[in-house]
Each structure stands twice: as C-alpha cells, then as structure tokens.
Amino acid sequence: MFEKGVSEMDFVLACLCGVLYFLAKSKIGYTLTTAIGSGLFIGFILGLYFNDLKNGLIIGASIQLIYLGVIHTGGNEPSDGELAAVVAIPIALKTGLDAQAAVALAVPFGVLGIFLDQIRRTSNSIWVRKADKYAEEGNADAIWRCATIYPALLAIPLLFLPVFIINMVGQDVVINIMKALPTFVTHGLEVAGGVLPALGFALIMN
C-alpha cells in the first residue's frame, strides 16, 4: 500500500495533523479545544512524533506568539493559527527550517484557514434551521443532535480532509519550493518571521 517507510510515516503524520486540526476547530464540548489548537501544544505533539521535542516546542511557541493578541470579535477569526501550526510545524521539522522561517511560512496558511472556517460556519447554518423546525415540534433530542452530532460529522470532511491532503500531498511541493528558493529569499523569510512574534506581543500590549 505504501512506498517503503517514508510514505507510511507521511500517512500517519497527515492523519495526526488532521485529527489535531479537527479537535481544535470543531469545538466539541468547548473544553480543551483552545489548548489543543495552540501552536505550543501542536508543536509538543509533533515534536514527540519527529523525536525532536525541543525544536517542536520552539517552532510551535513562535507561531503561537503571532496570534497572541488576536481578538476573535463575535467569534470571527482574522487568521487561523491552528491551520498555520498543523501545516508549518511538520514541514519545518521535516526540512530543518528554523523557527523564524517556519513562522513566515505559517502566515499564508493562517489566512487560508479563514476560508475553511467560513465554509464550516456557513454549513452549520443548515443545522440551525433544522433545530428551529424541531423546536416547533418539541423534539428536544433532535435539537441536541443538530447542536452536537451533525456539525461534528460534517466537520470531518471540512476540517480533517484539507489538512490530511496538504500534509500528504502538498508537503513535498512546499519543501521543493523552499529548497529551490535563493538564499536571500529564505533569509528574508527568517527576518520577517523574527518580526511577527514581536507584532503578536505589540497587539496584546495595545
């Protein structure tokens, strides 16, 4: 089924990242989902997976600093730190990118994640309308299913699959692009990545 060793490892990694993103964004129970979605936690888990806990924590914490002062007004996110972490951290650990370059790589994926989140939110409006209908019928069990089970099931293809595909297929593309970039470009990414955590601190201080 898999090519020798590496492809099997990539499959497990893609599944792991997909599950982490699903748990972080689905908000099941509103319990530990915020902690699970933090760059530090994702860096910890992926650091264990790559047997490189130190760099996993450093990269994860650096990515988390970008979003430190971000306020989710009305529950709306200006950027998706969870997607940034589950894509940038494994690429960085796999290729040996330092924390600054990983941070710069994470930012565009954070923006991409907003589109995924908007699709999820829009699709959840289906269950709200159904719940209203069940409320008129006095069907409490159906209302509960609309509030919990159905959104979680729909979130699997919307949250798990994109991250799985990116890590399974897209990683090699990103890695090859990074290897092909001139030194001055990668250095520029490192400089930009070094500034972004400071921006996170500035936002929260402001």
Protein backbone atom coordinates (compact mmCIF):
# COMPACT_ATOMS: atom_id res chain seq x y z
CA MET A 1 0.00 0.00 0.00
CA PHE A 2 2.80 2.43 0.89
CA GLU A 3 6.19 3.07 -0.54
CA LYS A 4 8.91 1.88 1.76
CA GLY A 5 8.92 3.55 5.17
CA VAL A 6 8.73 7.24 4.36
CA SER A 7 5.30 7.22 2.71
CA GLU A 8 3.81 5.26 5.60
CA MET A 9 5.28 7.81 8.01
CA ASP A 10 3.80 10.62 5.91
CA PHE A 11 0.38 8.95 6.02
CA VAL A 12 0.46 8.68 9.83
CA LEU A 13 1.69 12.29 10.08
CA ALA A 14 -1.10 13.53 7.78
CA CYS A 15 -3.70 11.68 9.89
CA LEU A 16 -2.24 13.06 13.12
CA CYS A 17 -2.29 16.65 11.83
CA GLY A 18 -5.83 16.20 10.51
CA VAL A 19 -7.06 14.90 13.87
CA LEU A 20 -5.34 17.73 15.77
CA TYR A 21 -6.95 20.33 13.50
CA PHE A 22 -10.36 18.66 13.74
CA LEU A 23 -10.22 18.58 17.55
CA ALA A 24 -9.07 22.20 17.70
CA LYS A 25 -11.63 23.68 15.31
CA SER A 26 -14.72 21.54 15.88
CA LYS A 27 -15.05 22.95 19.43
CA ILE A 28 -16.61 19.71 20.67
CA GLY A 29 -17.72 20.37 24.22
CA TYR A 30 -15.85 23.70 24.41
CA THR A 31 -13.44 22.12 26.88
CA LEU A 32 -9.79 21.68 25.84
CA THR A 33 -10.21 22.69 22.20
CA THR A 34 -8.43 26.04 22.64
CA ALA A 35 -5.45 24.38 24.30
CA ILE A 36 -5.33 21.62 21.67
CA GLY A 37 -5.28 24.23 18.91
CA SER A 38 -2.41 26.23 20.40
CA GLY A 39 0.85 26.26 18.50
CA LEU A 40 2.68 25.17 21.63
CA PHE A 41 0.55 22.03 22.08
CA ILE A 42 0.69 21.11 18.39
CA GLY A 43 4.46 21.68 18.45
CA PHE A 44 4.71 19.43 21.50
CA ILE A 45 2.80 16.57 19.85
CA LEU A 46 4.63 16.85 16.52
CA GLY A 47 7.94 17.26 18.32
CA LEU A 48 7.30 13.92 20.01
CA TYR A 49 6.36 12.39 16.65
CA PHE A 50 9.60 13.56 15.00
CA ASN A 51 11.62 12.80 18.13
CA ASP A 52 12.65 16.45 18.17
CA LEU A 53 10.73 17.86 21.12
CA LYS A 54 12.95 20.91 21.61
CA ASN A 55 12.50 22.29 18.10
CA GLY A 56 8.83 21.29 18.06
CA LEU A 57 8.21 23.43 21.14
CA ILE A 58 10.32 26.33 19.87
CA ILE A 59 8.59 26.44 16.48
CA GLY A 60 5.12 25.91 17.98
CA ALA A 61 5.63 28.66 20.56
CA SER A 62 6.97 31.05 17.90
CA ILE A 63 3.88 30.50 15.75
CA GLN A 64 1.61 30.93 18.75
CA LEU A 65 3.18 34.30 19.54
CA ILE A 66 1.90 35.71 16.23
CA TYR A 67 -1.69 35.13 17.33
CA LEU A 68 -1.16 36.09 20.96
CA GLY A 69 -3.03 39.38 20.74
CA VAL A 70 -5.60 38.41 18.11
CA ILE A 71 -9.15 39.05 19.29
CA HIS A 72 -11.96 36.91 17.87
CA THR A 73 -14.63 39.61 17.77
CA GLY A 74 -18.04 37.97 17.67
CA GLY A 75 -16.29 34.62 17.29
CA ASN A 76 -14.84 35.62 13.90
CA GLU A 77 -11.17 34.90 13.33
CA PRO A 78 -8.88 37.26 11.40
CA SER A 79 -6.42 34.38 10.91
CA ASP A 80 -6.34 30.65 11.61
CA GLY A 81 -3.44 29.87 13.94
CA GLU A 82 -4.41 26.22 14.18
CA LEU A 83 -4.05 25.58 10.43
CA ALA A 84 -0.83 27.57 10.37
CA ALA A 85 0.57 25.29 13.08
CA VAL A 86 -0.52 21.90 11.69
CA VAL A 87 0.98 22.73 8.28
CA ALA A 88 4.10 24.78 9.06
CA ILE A 89 5.40 22.81 12.05
CA PRO A 90 5.64 19.39 10.33
CA ILE A 91 7.25 20.97 7.26
CA ALA A 92 9.77 22.79 9.46
CA LEU A 93 10.61 19.68 11.47
CA LYS A 94 10.90 17.62 8.32
CA THR A 95 13.18 20.03 6.47
CA GLY A 96 15.13 21.56 9.33
CA LEU A 97 13.71 25.09 8.93
CA ASP A 98 14.41 27.33 11.90
CA ALA A 99 11.61 28.93 13.91
CA GLN A 100 11.75 32.28 12.09
CA ALA A 101 11.38 30.75 8.63
CA ALA A 102 8.62 28.46 9.91
CA VAL A 103 6.70 31.46 11.25
CA ALA A 104 6.87 33.22 7.87
CA LEU A 105 5.71 30.00 6.19
CA ALA A 106 2.81 29.68 8.64
CA VAL A 107 1.21 33.07 7.91
CA PRO A 108 -0.30 32.36 4.45
CA PHE A 109 -1.75 29.07 5.71
CA GLY A 110 -3.34 31.00 8.58
CA VAL A 111 -5.10 33.17 6.02
CA LEU A 112 -6.20 30.12 4.02
CA GLY A 113 -7.73 28.65 7.17
CA ILE A 114 -10.21 31.53 7.38
CA PHE A 115 -11.84 30.37 4.16
CA LEU A 116 -12.18 26.84 5.55
CA ASP A 117 -13.66 28.21 8.77
CA GLN A 118 -16.20 30.32 6.88
CA ILE A 119 -17.31 27.26 4.91
CA ARG A 120 -17.76 25.36 8.18
CA ARG A 121 -19.74 28.19 9.77
CA THR A 122 -21.95 28.60 6.70
CA SER A 123 -22.67 24.86 6.56
CA ASN A 124 -23.61 24.88 10.25
CA SER A 125 -26.49 27.24 9.46
CA ILE A 126 -28.24 24.19 7.98
CA TRP A 127 -28.46 22.62 11.44
CA VAL A 128 -29.69 25.88 12.99
CA ARG A 129 -32.67 25.93 10.60
CA LYS A 130 -33.36 22.26 11.29
CA ALA A 131 -33.14 22.88 15.04
CA ASP A 132 -35.73 25.67 14.72
CA LYS A 133 -38.04 23.25 12.97
CA TYR A 134 -37.54 20.60 15.67
CA ALA A 135 -38.14 23.26 18.35
CA GLU A 136 -41.58 23.92 16.87
CA GLU A 137 -42.24 20.18 17.09
CA GLY A 138 -40.93 19.99 20.67
CA ASN A 139 -38.30 17.39 19.68
CA ALA A 140 -35.52 18.05 22.22
CA ASP A 141 -33.42 15.03 21.18
CA ALA A 142 -33.32 16.20 17.56
CA ILE A 143 -32.33 19.72 18.66
CA TRP A 144 -29.43 18.22 20.63
CA ARG A 145 -28.28 16.24 17.61
CA CYS A 146 -28.39 19.39 15.46
CA ALA A 147 -26.28 21.21 18.04
CA THR A 148 -23.66 18.49 18.56
CA ILE A 149 -23.55 15.37 16.40
CA TYR A 150 -24.43 16.68 12.94
CA PRO A 151 -21.98 19.64 12.95
CA ALA A 152 -19.21 17.36 14.22
CA LEU A 153 -19.84 14.80 11.46
CA LEU A 154 -19.89 17.49 8.78
CA ALA A 155 -16.68 18.95 10.22
CA ILE A 156 -14.76 15.76 9.41
CA PRO A 157 -14.56 16.36 5.63
CA LEU A 158 -14.33 20.15 6.11
CA LEU A 159 -11.55 20.11 8.71
CA PHE A 160 -9.77 16.78 8.66
CA LEU A 161 -9.55 16.20 4.89
CA PRO A 162 -7.91 19.50 3.80
CA VAL A 163 -5.16 19.17 6.42
CA PHE A 164 -4.68 15.49 5.59
CA ILE A 165 -4.32 16.28 1.87
CA ILE A 166 -1.96 19.22 2.44
CA ASN A 167 0.32 17.14 4.66
CA MET A 168 0.10 14.04 2.49
CA VAL A 169 0.48 15.61 -0.95
CA GLY A 170 1.26 19.30 -0.61
CA GLN A 171 4.21 19.00 1.75
CA ASP A 172 6.57 17.79 -0.95
CA VAL A 173 5.56 20.72 -3.18
CA VAL A 174 6.24 23.24 -0.40
CA ILE A 175 9.51 21.53 0.51
CA ASN A 176 10.73 21.56 -3.09
CA ILE A 177 9.82 25.24 -3.43
CA MET A 178 11.69 26.07 -0.22
CA LYS A 179 14.76 24.18 -1.44
CA ALA A 180 14.65 25.98 -4.79
CA LEU A 181 14.43 29.47 -3.29
CA PRO A 182 17.60 31.59 -3.37
CA THR A 183 19.39 32.18 -0.09
CA PHE A 184 18.39 35.85 0.07
CA VAL A 185 14.70 34.88 -0.12
CA THR A 186 14.90 32.32 2.68
CA HIS A 187 16.89 34.84 4.73
CA GLY A 188 14.14 37.38 4.11
CA LEU A 189 11.60 34.86 5.40
CA GLU A 190 13.70 34.38 8.53
CA VAL A 191 13.84 38.14 9.13
CA ALA A 192 10.09 38.54 8.57
CA GLY A 193 9.40 35.56 10.80
CA GLY A 194 11.50 37.11 13.53
CA VAL A 195 9.41 40.30 13.45
CA LEU A 196 5.97 38.63 13.51
CA PRO A 197 6.14 37.32 17.12
CA ALA A 198 7.01 40.85 18.24
CA LEU A 199 3.87 42.02 16.42
CA GLY A 200 1.87 39.50 18.45
CA PHE A 201 3.27 40.98 21.68
CA ALA A 202 2.53 44.50 20.45
CA LEU A 203 -1.09 43.59 19.72
CA ILE A 204 -1.73 42.18 23.18
CA MET A 205 0.03 45.12 24.88
CA ASN A 206 -2.08 47.53 22.83
